[in-house]
Amino acid sequence: MDHFSQTFERLATWWYELNFTSVQKRALLICAALVIFISALLVIRGNTHSITAPPIIPVEIAAPEIFVDVTGAVNNPGVYTLSARARVIDAIKAAGDSAPGADLSTINLARVLADGEQVYVDSTISTPSKSKSLRASPAGPLNINRATASQFDALDGIGPVIAARIVAYRKSNGPFTTIEELQKVSGIGAAKFAQFKSKIRV
């Protein structure tokens, strides 16, 4: 309190000792009041001004896609675009689901698909006319991605046990990319593979 009183007395003494006229002193007081008022106004406006954050624009990232050829015993065979994590069952559903008489037991429906892959659904239905035409026409190289266990069994050096292993391997790992991949199946070595190499294809 004493410090405030001393300061006030010094200011009063300085004010009365100013070599200004009364008009000049009034003008000085008005200018000082205006400066204080404007400063206070700026401070108040700065404190109450709300800062608006820029709007957050969501960025949509397109999920990677793959192309899969679905053929065989399905209602609408064709090439379909699926998500990169799609499975065999998704490809079959995209093709209108399996057709009557389709054999899904040879396919691993839960396997993740790869881009450019072909999904072939076997059929258990065969017409007599089709069977006769197949017998009449000469047999070509066996497609190892479509052949059944009985067809593998007919190859030189392949018995029913190894034929079942081939079908099981294909079901778990997906279609073969080369005929040489058959050698990954237990029981098929280089010598045995050479016996039927010319009779198979992918």
N, C-alpha and C. Protein backbone atom coordinates (compact mmCIF):
# COMPACT_ATOMS: atom_id res chain seq x y z
N MET A 1 0.84 -1.20 0.00
CA MET A 1 0.00 0.00 0.00
C MET A 1 0.87 1.25 0.00
N ASP A 2 1.95 1.30 0.82
CA ASP A 2 2.86 2.44 0.87
C ASP A 2 3.52 2.65 -0.48
N HIS A 3 3.87 1.55 -1.14
CA HIS A 3 4.54 1.67 -2.44
C HIS A 3 3.59 2.29 -3.47
N PHE A 4 2.30 1.87 -3.39
CA PHE A 4 1.30 2.42 -4.32
C PHE A 4 1.11 3.92 -4.07
N SER A 5 1.09 4.31 -2.79
CA SER A 5 0.90 5.73 -2.44
C SER A 5 2.08 6.57 -2.93
N GLN A 6 3.27 6.06 -2.74
CA GLN A 6 4.46 6.79 -3.18
C GLN A 6 4.47 6.95 -4.70
N THR A 7 4.06 5.89 -5.39
CA THR A 7 4.03 5.96 -6.85
C THR A 7 3.00 6.98 -7.32
N PHE A 8 1.83 6.97 -6.69
CA PHE A 8 0.78 7.93 -7.05
C PHE A 8 1.23 9.37 -6.80
N GLU A 9 1.93 9.59 -5.66
CA GLU A 9 2.41 10.93 -5.35
C GLU A 9 3.45 11.40 -6.36
N ARG A 10 4.31 10.48 -6.81
CA ARG A 10 5.32 10.86 -7.80
C ARG A 10 4.66 11.24 -9.12
N LEU A 11 3.64 10.46 -9.51
CA LEU A 11 2.94 10.77 -10.76
C LEU A 11 2.21 12.11 -10.66
N ALA A 12 1.60 12.37 -9.50
CA ALA A 12 0.88 13.64 -9.32
C ALA A 12 1.85 14.81 -9.37
N THR A 13 2.99 14.67 -8.73
CA THR A 13 4.00 15.72 -8.74
C THR A 13 4.50 15.97 -10.15
N TRP A 14 4.76 14.83 -10.87
CA TRP A 14 5.24 14.96 -12.28
C TRP A 14 4.20 15.63 -13.15
N TRP A 15 2.91 15.33 -12.89
CA TRP A 15 1.84 15.90 -13.70
C TRP A 15 1.70 17.41 -13.47
N TYR A 16 1.80 17.81 -12.22
CA TYR A 16 1.65 19.25 -11.94
C TYR A 16 2.87 20.05 -12.36
N GLU A 17 4.00 19.38 -12.41
CA GLU A 17 5.22 20.09 -12.80
C GLU A 17 5.43 20.12 -14.30
N LEU A 18 4.56 19.45 -15.06
CA LEU A 18 4.68 19.48 -16.53
C LEU A 18 4.51 20.91 -17.03
N ASN A 19 5.35 21.28 -17.96
CA ASN A 19 5.31 22.63 -18.51
C ASN A 19 4.30 22.68 -19.66
N PHE A 20 3.07 22.17 -19.38
CA PHE A 20 1.98 22.17 -20.36
C PHE A 20 0.86 23.06 -19.86
N THR A 21 0.11 23.59 -20.82
CA THR A 21 -1.10 24.32 -20.46
C THR A 21 -2.18 23.32 -20.07
N SER A 22 -3.27 23.81 -19.52
CA SER A 22 -4.36 22.92 -19.11
C SER A 22 -4.99 22.22 -20.32
N VAL A 23 -5.01 22.94 -21.46
CA VAL A 23 -5.58 22.32 -22.68
C VAL A 23 -4.69 21.18 -23.15
N GLN A 24 -3.38 21.41 -23.10
CA GLN A 24 -2.44 20.37 -23.53
C GLN A 24 -2.51 19.16 -22.61
N LYS A 25 -2.66 19.42 -21.33
CA LYS A 25 -2.76 18.30 -20.40
C LYS A 25 -4.02 17.47 -20.65
N ARG A 26 -5.14 18.18 -20.96
CA ARG A 26 -6.37 17.45 -21.26
C ARG A 26 -6.20 16.58 -22.53
N ALA A 27 -5.57 17.16 -23.53
CA ALA A 27 -5.36 16.41 -24.77
C ALA A 27 -4.48 15.18 -24.52
N LEU A 28 -3.48 15.36 -23.65
CA LEU A 28 -2.61 14.22 -23.32
C LEU A 28 -3.39 13.13 -22.60
N LEU A 29 -4.29 13.56 -21.69
CA LEU A 29 -5.11 12.58 -20.98
C LEU A 29 -6.03 11.82 -21.93
N ILE A 30 -6.63 12.53 -22.88
CA ILE A 30 -7.52 11.89 -23.85
C ILE A 30 -6.78 10.89 -24.71
N CYS A 31 -5.57 11.29 -25.16
CA CYS A 31 -4.76 10.37 -25.98
C CYS A 31 -4.38 9.13 -25.19
N ALA A 32 -3.98 9.32 -23.92
CA ALA A 32 -3.60 8.17 -23.09
C ALA A 32 -4.79 7.25 -22.87
N ALA A 33 -5.99 7.87 -22.65
CA ALA A 33 -7.19 7.05 -22.43
C ALA A 33 -7.53 6.26 -23.69
N LEU A 34 -7.41 6.90 -24.85
CA LEU A 34 -7.68 6.19 -26.11
C LEU A 34 -6.73 5.02 -26.32
N VAL A 35 -5.45 5.25 -26.04
CA VAL A 35 -4.46 4.18 -26.21
C VAL A 35 -4.78 3.00 -25.28
N ILE A 36 -5.12 3.32 -24.02
CA ILE A 36 -5.45 2.26 -23.07
C ILE A 36 -6.71 1.51 -23.50
N PHE A 37 -7.71 2.29 -23.98
CA PHE A 37 -8.98 1.66 -24.39
C PHE A 37 -8.77 0.72 -25.60
N ILE A 38 -8.02 1.21 -26.60
CA ILE A 38 -7.78 0.39 -27.80
C ILE A 38 -6.97 -0.84 -27.45
N SER A 39 -5.96 -0.70 -26.59
CA SER A 39 -5.15 -1.84 -26.18
C SER A 39 -5.99 -2.89 -25.47
N ALA A 40 -6.85 -2.40 -24.53
CA ALA A 40 -7.71 -3.34 -23.81
C ALA A 40 -8.67 -4.05 -24.77
N LEU A 41 -9.19 -3.30 -25.73
CA LEU A 41 -10.12 -3.90 -26.71
C LEU A 41 -9.43 -4.99 -27.53
N LEU A 42 -8.20 -4.72 -27.94
CA LEU A 42 -7.45 -5.71 -28.73
C LEU A 42 -7.16 -6.96 -27.90
N VAL A 43 -6.83 -6.76 -26.64
CA VAL A 43 -6.55 -7.90 -25.77
C VAL A 43 -7.80 -8.76 -25.57
N ILE A 44 -8.93 -8.08 -25.34
CA ILE A 44 -10.19 -8.82 -25.12
C ILE A 44 -10.60 -9.58 -26.37
N ARG A 45 -10.49 -8.96 -27.54
CA ARG A 45 -10.86 -9.63 -28.79
C ARG A 45 -9.93 -10.80 -29.09
N GLY A 46 -8.66 -10.63 -28.74
CA GLY A 46 -7.71 -11.73 -28.99
C GLY A 46 -7.99 -12.93 -28.10
N ASN A 47 -8.44 -12.67 -26.88
CA ASN A 47 -8.72 -13.77 -25.96
C ASN A 47 -10.02 -14.50 -26.30
N THR A 48 -10.99 -13.75 -26.84
CA THR A 48 -12.29 -14.37 -27.13
C THR A 48 -12.38 -14.94 -28.53
N HIS A 49 -11.41 -14.67 -29.39
CA HIS A 49 -11.46 -15.17 -30.77
C HIS A 49 -11.19 -16.67 -30.78
N SER A 50 -12.13 -17.43 -31.31
CA SER A 50 -11.97 -18.88 -31.34
C SER A 50 -11.16 -19.30 -32.57
N ILE A 51 -10.28 -20.20 -32.35
CA ILE A 51 -9.45 -20.73 -33.44
C ILE A 51 -10.13 -21.96 -34.01
N THR A 52 -10.51 -21.86 -35.27
CA THR A 52 -11.20 -22.98 -35.93
C THR A 52 -10.18 -23.86 -36.62
N ALA A 53 -10.19 -25.14 -36.23
CA ALA A 53 -9.25 -26.08 -36.85
C ALA A 53 -9.69 -26.37 -38.28
N PRO A 54 -8.74 -26.57 -39.19
CA PRO A 54 -9.12 -26.89 -40.58
C PRO A 54 -9.87 -28.21 -40.63
N PRO A 55 -10.85 -28.30 -41.51
CA PRO A 55 -11.63 -29.56 -41.59
C PRO A 55 -10.76 -30.74 -42.00
N ILE A 56 -11.06 -31.88 -41.39
CA ILE A 56 -10.32 -33.10 -41.70
C ILE A 56 -11.01 -33.81 -42.86
N ILE A 57 -10.31 -33.94 -43.96
CA ILE A 57 -10.87 -34.59 -45.14
C ILE A 57 -10.38 -36.04 -45.17
N PRO A 58 -11.29 -37.00 -45.01
CA PRO A 58 -10.85 -38.40 -45.04
C PRO A 58 -10.31 -38.79 -46.41
N VAL A 59 -9.22 -39.53 -46.39
CA VAL A 59 -8.61 -39.99 -47.63
C VAL A 59 -8.98 -41.46 -47.82
N GLU A 60 -9.65 -41.72 -48.90
CA GLU A 60 -10.07 -43.08 -49.18
C GLU A 60 -8.98 -43.81 -49.97
N ILE A 61 -8.53 -44.93 -49.41
CA ILE A 61 -7.51 -45.74 -50.07
C ILE A 61 -8.19 -46.95 -50.69
N ALA A 62 -8.08 -47.04 -51.99
CA ALA A 62 -8.73 -48.15 -52.69
C ALA A 62 -8.04 -49.47 -52.34
N ALA A 63 -8.86 -50.45 -51.99
CA ALA A 63 -8.31 -51.77 -51.67
C ALA A 63 -7.77 -52.42 -52.92
N PRO A 64 -6.61 -53.09 -52.82
CA PRO A 64 -6.06 -53.77 -54.00
C PRO A 64 -6.99 -54.85 -54.50
N GLU A 65 -7.00 -55.03 -55.82
CA GLU A 65 -7.90 -56.01 -56.43
C GLU A 65 -7.11 -57.01 -57.26
N ILE A 66 -7.72 -58.16 -57.50
CA ILE A 66 -7.12 -59.20 -58.34
C ILE A 66 -8.15 -59.66 -59.36
N PHE A 67 -7.67 -60.27 -60.44
CA PHE A 67 -8.54 -60.82 -61.47
C PHE A 67 -8.43 -62.34 -61.43
N VAL A 68 -9.57 -62.99 -61.39
CA VAL A 68 -9.62 -64.45 -61.27
C VAL A 68 -10.55 -65.01 -62.34
N ASP A 69 -10.09 -66.06 -63.01
CA ASP A 69 -10.89 -66.73 -64.02
C ASP A 69 -11.60 -67.92 -63.36
N VAL A 70 -12.92 -67.89 -63.34
CA VAL A 70 -13.71 -68.95 -62.73
C VAL A 70 -14.39 -69.73 -63.85
N THR A 71 -14.13 -71.01 -63.92
CA THR A 71 -14.68 -71.82 -65.00
C THR A 71 -15.08 -73.20 -64.47
N GLY A 72 -15.65 -74.02 -65.35
CA GLY A 72 -16.10 -75.34 -64.94
C GLY A 72 -17.57 -75.33 -64.55
N ALA A 73 -17.90 -76.08 -63.52
CA ALA A 73 -19.29 -76.26 -63.11
C ALA A 73 -19.77 -75.11 -62.23
N VAL A 74 -19.86 -73.90 -62.83
CA VAL A 74 -20.42 -72.73 -62.16
C VAL A 74 -21.50 -72.15 -63.05
N ASN A 75 -22.39 -71.37 -62.49
CA ASN A 75 -23.52 -70.85 -63.25
C ASN A 75 -23.12 -69.78 -64.26
N ASN A 76 -22.16 -68.94 -63.90
CA ASN A 76 -21.75 -67.85 -64.79
C ASN A 76 -20.23 -67.79 -64.88
N PRO A 77 -19.60 -68.70 -65.63
CA PRO A 77 -18.14 -68.67 -65.74
C PRO A 77 -17.65 -67.39 -66.39
N GLY A 78 -16.46 -66.97 -65.98
CA GLY A 78 -15.89 -65.75 -66.54
C GLY A 78 -14.78 -65.22 -65.66
N VAL A 79 -14.26 -64.05 -66.04
CA VAL A 79 -13.19 -63.40 -65.28
C VAL A 79 -13.83 -62.37 -64.35
N TYR A 80 -13.48 -62.44 -63.07
CA TYR A 80 -14.09 -61.57 -62.07
C TYR A 80 -13.02 -60.81 -61.29
N THR A 81 -13.40 -59.59 -60.88
CA THR A 81 -12.52 -58.75 -60.06
C THR A 81 -12.91 -58.93 -58.60
N LEU A 82 -11.93 -59.32 -57.79
CA LEU A 82 -12.17 -59.56 -56.37
C LEU A 82 -11.14 -58.81 -55.54
N SER A 83 -11.37 -58.74 -54.23
CA SER A 83 -10.40 -58.11 -53.34
C SER A 83 -9.17 -59.00 -53.22
N ALA A 84 -8.05 -58.38 -52.84
CA ALA A 84 -6.78 -59.10 -52.80
C ALA A 84 -6.78 -60.23 -51.78
N ARG A 85 -7.67 -60.17 -50.79
CA ARG A 85 -7.73 -61.22 -49.75
C ARG A 85 -8.88 -62.18 -49.97
N ALA A 86 -9.44 -62.18 -51.18
CA ALA A 86 -10.58 -63.07 -51.47
C ALA A 86 -10.13 -64.53 -51.48
N ARG A 87 -11.06 -65.42 -51.21
CA ARG A 87 -10.79 -66.85 -51.17
C ARG A 87 -11.54 -67.55 -52.29
N VAL A 88 -11.27 -68.83 -52.45
CA VAL A 88 -11.86 -69.60 -53.54
C VAL A 88 -13.38 -69.55 -53.47
N ILE A 89 -13.94 -69.65 -52.29
CA ILE A 89 -15.39 -69.63 -52.13
C ILE A 89 -15.97 -68.31 -52.63
N ASP A 90 -15.22 -67.19 -52.46
CA ASP A 90 -15.69 -65.89 -52.94
C ASP A 90 -15.73 -65.85 -54.46
N ALA A 91 -14.74 -66.48 -55.10
CA ALA A 91 -14.71 -66.51 -56.56
C ALA A 91 -15.88 -67.32 -57.11
N ILE A 92 -16.18 -68.44 -56.47
CA ILE A 92 -17.30 -69.28 -56.93
C ILE A 92 -18.62 -68.55 -56.75
N LYS A 93 -18.78 -67.82 -55.65
CA LYS A 93 -20.01 -67.05 -55.44
C LYS A 93 -20.13 -65.92 -56.46
N ALA A 94 -19.00 -65.31 -56.81
CA ALA A 94 -19.02 -64.24 -57.81
C ALA A 94 -19.47 -64.77 -59.17
N ALA A 95 -19.18 -66.04 -59.45
CA ALA A 95 -19.57 -66.66 -60.71
C ALA A 95 -20.97 -67.27 -60.65
N GLY A 96 -21.78 -66.80 -59.74
CA GLY A 96 -23.15 -67.29 -59.65
C GLY A 96 -23.31 -68.57 -58.88
N ASP A 97 -22.30 -68.94 -58.11
CA ASP A 97 -22.29 -70.15 -57.29
C ASP A 97 -22.11 -71.40 -58.17
N SER A 98 -21.87 -72.50 -57.52
CA SER A 98 -21.61 -73.75 -58.24
C SER A 98 -22.89 -74.25 -58.91
N ALA A 99 -22.70 -74.89 -60.06
CA ALA A 99 -23.83 -75.41 -60.82
C ALA A 99 -24.25 -76.77 -60.26
N PRO A 100 -25.45 -77.23 -60.58
CA PRO A 100 -25.87 -78.57 -60.13
C PRO A 100 -24.89 -79.64 -60.62
N GLY A 101 -24.54 -80.54 -59.75
CA GLY A 101 -23.60 -81.60 -60.09
C GLY A 101 -22.14 -81.22 -59.92
N ALA A 102 -21.87 -80.02 -59.38
CA ALA A 102 -20.48 -79.61 -59.16
C ALA A 102 -19.85 -80.41 -58.03
N ASP A 103 -18.58 -80.73 -58.19
CA ASP A 103 -17.85 -81.48 -57.17
C ASP A 103 -16.87 -80.54 -56.49
N LEU A 104 -17.24 -80.06 -55.32
CA LEU A 104 -16.39 -79.11 -54.59
C LEU A 104 -15.43 -79.80 -53.64
N SER A 105 -15.47 -81.12 -53.60
CA SER A 105 -14.62 -81.86 -52.65
C SER A 105 -13.15 -81.80 -53.03
N THR A 106 -12.84 -81.51 -54.29
CA THR A 106 -11.45 -81.47 -54.75
C THR A 106 -10.85 -80.07 -54.65
N ILE A 107 -11.62 -79.11 -54.12
CA ILE A 107 -11.18 -77.72 -54.06
C ILE A 107 -11.10 -77.27 -52.60
N ASN A 108 -10.03 -76.56 -52.28
CA ASN A 108 -9.91 -75.96 -50.96
C ASN A 108 -10.62 -74.60 -50.99
N LEU A 109 -11.84 -74.54 -50.52
CA LEU A 109 -12.65 -73.34 -50.61
C LEU A 109 -12.13 -72.20 -49.76
N ALA A 110 -11.30 -72.49 -48.76
CA ALA A 110 -10.80 -71.45 -47.86
C ALA A 110 -9.46 -70.88 -48.30
N ARG A 111 -8.91 -71.36 -49.41
CA ARG A 111 -7.59 -70.90 -49.85
C ARG A 111 -7.66 -69.48 -50.40
N VAL A 112 -6.64 -68.66 -50.06
CA VAL A 112 -6.56 -67.28 -50.56
C VAL A 112 -6.13 -67.30 -52.02
N LEU A 113 -6.80 -66.51 -52.84
CA LEU A 113 -6.54 -66.50 -54.28
C LEU A 113 -5.35 -65.62 -54.63
N ALA A 114 -4.79 -65.87 -55.81
CA ALA A 114 -3.70 -65.06 -56.35
C ALA A 114 -4.16 -64.39 -57.63
N ASP A 115 -3.55 -63.27 -57.96
CA ASP A 115 -3.93 -62.54 -59.16
C ASP A 115 -3.64 -63.37 -60.41
N GLY A 116 -4.60 -63.42 -61.33
CA GLY A 116 -4.42 -64.17 -62.56
C GLY A 116 -4.70 -65.65 -62.44
N GLU A 117 -5.19 -66.08 -61.31
CA GLU A 117 -5.42 -67.51 -61.08
C GLU A 117 -6.71 -67.98 -61.75
N GLN A 118 -6.74 -69.26 -62.09
CA GLN A 118 -7.97 -69.86 -62.62
C GLN A 118 -8.52 -70.85 -61.59
N VAL A 119 -9.79 -70.70 -61.29
CA VAL A 119 -10.49 -71.62 -60.39
C VAL A 119 -11.37 -72.52 -61.26
N TYR A 120 -11.07 -73.80 -61.27
CA TYR A 120 -11.86 -74.75 -62.07
C TYR A 120 -12.66 -75.65 -61.13
N VAL A 121 -13.97 -75.68 -61.34
CA VAL A 121 -14.86 -76.49 -60.52
C VAL A 121 -15.21 -77.75 -61.30
N ASP A 122 -14.83 -78.90 -60.76
CA ASP A 122 -15.12 -80.17 -61.42
C ASP A 122 -16.61 -80.48 -61.35
N SER A 123 -17.06 -81.33 -62.29
CA SER A 123 -18.45 -81.76 -62.31
C SER A 123 -18.51 -83.28 -62.19
N THR A 124 -19.48 -83.76 -61.44
CA THR A 124 -19.66 -85.21 -61.28
C THR A 124 -20.62 -85.77 -62.31
N ILE A 125 -21.22 -84.89 -63.12
CA ILE A 125 -22.19 -85.32 -64.12
C ILE A 125 -21.51 -85.44 -65.47
N SER A 126 -21.69 -86.56 -66.13
CA SER A 126 -21.17 -86.76 -67.47
C SER A 126 -22.25 -87.43 -68.31
N THR A 127 -22.50 -86.89 -69.48
CA THR A 127 -23.53 -87.45 -70.37
C THR A 127 -22.94 -88.58 -71.18
N PRO A 128 -23.76 -89.58 -71.60
CA PRO A 128 -23.26 -90.70 -72.40
C PRO A 128 -22.64 -90.25 -73.71
N SER A 129 -23.26 -89.26 -74.34
CA SER A 129 -22.71 -88.80 -75.61
C SER A 129 -21.33 -88.21 -75.42
N LYS A 130 -21.16 -87.51 -74.28
CA LYS A 130 -19.86 -86.91 -73.98
C LYS A 130 -18.82 -88.01 -73.73
N SER A 131 -19.22 -89.06 -73.03
CA SER A 131 -18.30 -90.15 -72.74
C SER A 131 -17.88 -90.85 -74.03
N LYS A 132 -18.82 -91.03 -74.95
CA LYS A 132 -18.49 -91.70 -76.21
C LYS A 132 -17.53 -90.85 -77.03
N SER A 133 -17.79 -89.54 -77.05
CA SER A 133 -16.91 -88.68 -77.83
C SER A 133 -15.52 -88.65 -77.24
N LEU A 134 -15.43 -88.71 -75.91
CA LEU A 134 -14.11 -88.74 -75.28
C LEU A 134 -13.37 -90.02 -75.60
N ARG A 135 -14.08 -91.12 -75.65
CA ARG A 135 -13.41 -92.38 -75.98
C ARG A 135 -12.97 -92.40 -77.44
N ALA A 136 -13.79 -91.77 -78.31
CA ALA A 136 -13.46 -91.81 -79.73
C ALA A 136 -12.29 -90.90 -80.08
N SER A 137 -12.19 -89.76 -79.37
CA SER A 137 -11.11 -88.82 -79.68
C SER A 137 -9.83 -89.21 -78.96
N PRO A 138 -8.69 -88.99 -79.60
CA PRO A 138 -7.42 -89.32 -78.96
C PRO A 138 -7.17 -88.43 -77.76
N ALA A 139 -6.64 -89.02 -76.71
CA ALA A 139 -6.38 -88.27 -75.47
C ALA A 139 -5.15 -87.41 -75.63
N GLY A 140 -5.25 -86.15 -75.18
CA GLY A 140 -4.10 -85.25 -75.23
C GLY A 140 -3.41 -85.21 -73.88
N PRO A 141 -2.46 -84.29 -73.71
CA PRO A 141 -1.78 -84.16 -72.41
C PRO A 141 -2.77 -83.86 -71.30
N LEU A 142 -2.56 -84.45 -70.15
CA LEU A 142 -3.47 -84.31 -69.02
C LEU A 142 -3.22 -82.98 -68.29
N ASN A 143 -4.27 -82.21 -68.11
CA ASN A 143 -4.18 -80.96 -67.38
C ASN A 143 -4.12 -81.28 -65.89
N ILE A 144 -2.96 -81.05 -65.27
CA ILE A 144 -2.77 -81.46 -63.87
C ILE A 144 -3.54 -80.59 -62.89
N ASN A 145 -4.08 -79.48 -63.36
CA ASN A 145 -4.89 -78.63 -62.49
C ASN A 145 -6.37 -79.00 -62.54
N ARG A 146 -6.74 -79.89 -63.46
CA ARG A 146 -8.14 -80.30 -63.59
C ARG A 146 -8.33 -81.81 -63.44
N ALA A 147 -7.25 -82.54 -63.53
CA ALA A 147 -7.37 -84.00 -63.51
C ALA A 147 -7.85 -84.51 -62.16
N THR A 148 -8.59 -85.60 -62.21
CA THR A 148 -9.07 -86.26 -61.00
C THR A 148 -8.05 -87.30 -60.55
N ALA A 149 -8.28 -87.85 -59.38
CA ALA A 149 -7.37 -88.87 -58.86
C ALA A 149 -7.31 -90.08 -59.79
N SER A 150 -8.43 -90.47 -60.36
CA SER A 150 -8.45 -91.63 -61.26
C SER A 150 -7.66 -91.35 -62.54
N GLN A 151 -7.69 -90.11 -63.00
CA GLN A 151 -6.92 -89.76 -64.19
C GLN A 151 -5.42 -89.75 -63.90
N PHE A 152 -5.03 -89.27 -62.74
CA PHE A 152 -3.62 -89.34 -62.34
C PHE A 152 -3.18 -90.79 -62.20
N ASP A 153 -4.07 -91.62 -61.68
CA ASP A 153 -3.76 -93.04 -61.48
C ASP A 153 -3.44 -93.74 -62.80
N ALA A 154 -4.00 -93.24 -63.90
CA ALA A 154 -3.76 -93.85 -65.21
C ALA A 154 -2.39 -93.52 -65.79
N LEU A 155 -1.67 -92.55 -65.20
CA LEU A 155 -0.34 -92.20 -65.70
C LEU A 155 0.68 -93.26 -65.32
N ASP A 156 1.73 -93.38 -66.12
CA ASP A 156 2.80 -94.34 -65.85
C ASP A 156 3.49 -94.02 -64.53
N GLY A 157 3.62 -95.00 -63.67
CA GLY A 157 4.34 -94.83 -62.41
C GLY A 157 3.52 -94.20 -61.30
N ILE A 158 2.26 -93.82 -61.57
CA ILE A 158 1.41 -93.21 -60.55
C ILE A 158 0.34 -94.20 -60.13
N GLY A 159 0.31 -94.55 -58.87
CA GLY A 159 -0.72 -95.43 -58.34
C GLY A 159 -1.80 -94.63 -57.63
N PRO A 160 -2.78 -95.29 -57.06
CA PRO A 160 -3.87 -94.58 -56.38
C PRO A 160 -3.41 -93.76 -55.18
N VAL A 161 -2.35 -94.21 -54.50
CA VAL A 161 -1.87 -93.48 -53.32
C VAL A 161 -1.26 -92.15 -53.73
N ILE A 162 -0.35 -92.18 -54.71
CA ILE A 162 0.30 -90.94 -55.17
C ILE A 162 -0.72 -90.04 -55.86
N ALA A 163 -1.67 -90.63 -56.58
CA ALA A 163 -2.70 -89.83 -57.22
C ALA A 163 -3.50 -89.05 -56.19
N ALA A 164 -3.82 -89.69 -55.08
CA ALA A 164 -4.55 -89.00 -54.01
C ALA A 164 -3.69 -87.90 -53.39
N ARG A 165 -2.37 -88.14 -53.30
CA ARG A 165 -1.47 -87.12 -52.74
C ARG A 165 -1.43 -85.89 -53.66
N ILE A 166 -1.44 -86.11 -54.97
CA ILE A 166 -1.41 -84.98 -55.92
C ILE A 166 -2.65 -84.12 -55.76
N VAL A 167 -3.80 -84.77 -55.70
CA VAL A 167 -5.05 -84.03 -55.54
C VAL A 167 -5.07 -83.28 -54.21
N ALA A 168 -4.58 -83.91 -53.15
CA ALA A 168 -4.55 -83.26 -51.84
C ALA A 168 -3.59 -82.07 -51.83
N TYR A 169 -2.44 -82.23 -52.50
CA TYR A 169 -1.46 -81.13 -52.59
C TYR A 169 -2.06 -79.95 -53.35
N ARG A 170 -2.73 -80.25 -54.46
CA ARG A 170 -3.35 -79.19 -55.26
C ARG A 170 -4.45 -78.49 -54.47
N LYS A 171 -5.18 -79.25 -53.68
CA LYS A 171 -6.26 -78.67 -52.90
C LYS A 171 -5.73 -77.73 -51.82
N SER A 172 -4.59 -78.07 -51.22
CA SER A 172 -4.02 -77.26 -50.13
C SER A 172 -3.22 -76.07 -50.64
N ASN A 173 -2.52 -76.23 -51.77
CA ASN A 173 -1.59 -75.21 -52.24
C ASN A 173 -2.06 -74.45 -53.47
N GLY A 174 -3.18 -74.86 -54.03
CA GLY A 174 -3.66 -74.16 -55.21
C GLY A 174 -3.15 -74.78 -56.49
N PRO A 175 -3.52 -74.23 -57.64
CA PRO A 175 -3.14 -74.80 -58.94
C PRO A 175 -1.62 -74.86 -59.12
N PHE A 176 -1.17 -75.83 -59.86
CA PHE A 176 0.25 -75.94 -60.21
C PHE A 176 0.58 -74.87 -61.24
N THR A 177 1.73 -74.25 -61.07
CA THR A 177 2.16 -73.23 -62.05
C THR A 177 3.03 -73.84 -63.14
N THR A 178 3.73 -74.93 -62.84
CA THR A 178 4.53 -75.66 -63.82
C THR A 178 4.34 -77.15 -63.57
N ILE A 179 4.62 -77.97 -64.62
CA ILE A 179 4.49 -79.42 -64.43
C ILE A 179 5.58 -79.93 -63.49
N GLU A 180 6.72 -79.24 -63.43
CA GLU A 180 7.80 -79.66 -62.55
C GLU A 180 7.42 -79.57 -61.07
N GLU A 181 6.41 -78.77 -60.76
CA GLU A 181 5.98 -78.62 -59.37
C GLU A 181 5.40 -79.92 -58.81
N LEU A 182 5.04 -80.85 -59.69
CA LEU A 182 4.54 -82.15 -59.24
C LEU A 182 5.59 -82.90 -58.41
N GLN A 183 6.85 -82.58 -58.62
CA GLN A 183 7.91 -83.27 -57.90
C GLN A 183 7.94 -82.89 -56.42
N LYS A 184 7.17 -81.88 -56.05
CA LYS A 184 7.06 -81.52 -54.64
C LYS A 184 6.14 -82.47 -53.88
N VAL A 185 5.36 -83.24 -54.64
CA VAL A 185 4.46 -84.21 -54.03
C VAL A 185 5.27 -85.41 -53.57
N SER A 186 5.04 -85.85 -52.35
CA SER A 186 5.76 -86.99 -51.79
C SER A 186 5.57 -88.23 -52.66
N GLY A 187 6.69 -88.87 -53.01
CA GLY A 187 6.65 -90.09 -53.82
C GLY A 187 6.94 -89.88 -55.28
N ILE A 188 7.07 -88.61 -55.72
CA ILE A 188 7.38 -88.33 -57.12
C ILE A 188 8.79 -87.76 -57.20
N GLY A 189 9.71 -88.60 -57.64
CA GLY A 189 11.09 -88.16 -57.82
C GLY A 189 11.36 -87.84 -59.28
N ALA A 190 12.62 -87.54 -59.59
CA ALA A 190 12.99 -87.17 -60.96
C ALA A 190 12.75 -88.31 -61.93
N ALA A 191 13.10 -89.54 -61.53
CA ALA A 191 12.94 -90.70 -62.41
C ALA A 191 11.47 -90.97 -62.70
N LYS A 192 10.64 -90.93 -61.66
CA LYS A 192 9.21 -91.18 -61.86
C LYS A 192 8.57 -90.07 -62.69
N PHE A 193 9.01 -88.82 -62.43
CA PHE A 193 8.47 -87.68 -63.17
C PHE A 193 8.77 -87.80 -64.66
N ALA A 194 9.97 -88.31 -64.98
CA ALA A 194 10.36 -88.46 -66.39
C ALA A 194 9.46 -89.46 -67.12
N GLN A 195 8.82 -90.38 -66.40
CA GLN A 195 7.99 -91.41 -67.04
C GLN A 195 6.72 -90.81 -67.66
N PHE A 196 6.16 -89.78 -67.03
CA PHE A 196 4.90 -89.22 -67.52
C PHE A 196 4.98 -87.75 -67.86
N LYS A 197 6.18 -87.19 -67.89
CA LYS A 197 6.36 -85.75 -68.14
C LYS A 197 5.74 -85.31 -69.45
N SER A 198 5.88 -86.12 -70.49
CA SER A 198 5.38 -85.75 -71.82
C SER A 198 3.86 -85.87 -71.93
N LYS A 199 3.20 -86.44 -70.91
CA LYS A 199 1.76 -86.69 -70.99
C LYS A 199 0.94 -85.71 -70.13
N ILE A 200 1.61 -84.69 -69.57
CA ILE A 200 0.89 -83.76 -68.70
C ILE A 200 1.16 -82.31 -69.15
N ARG A 201 0.29 -81.46 -68.68
CA ARG A 201 0.44 -80.01 -68.95
C ARG A 201 -0.27 -79.25 -67.83
N VAL A 202 -0.06 -77.91 -67.81
CA VAL A 202 -0.77 -77.05 -66.86
C VAL A 202 -1.82 -76.25 -67.61
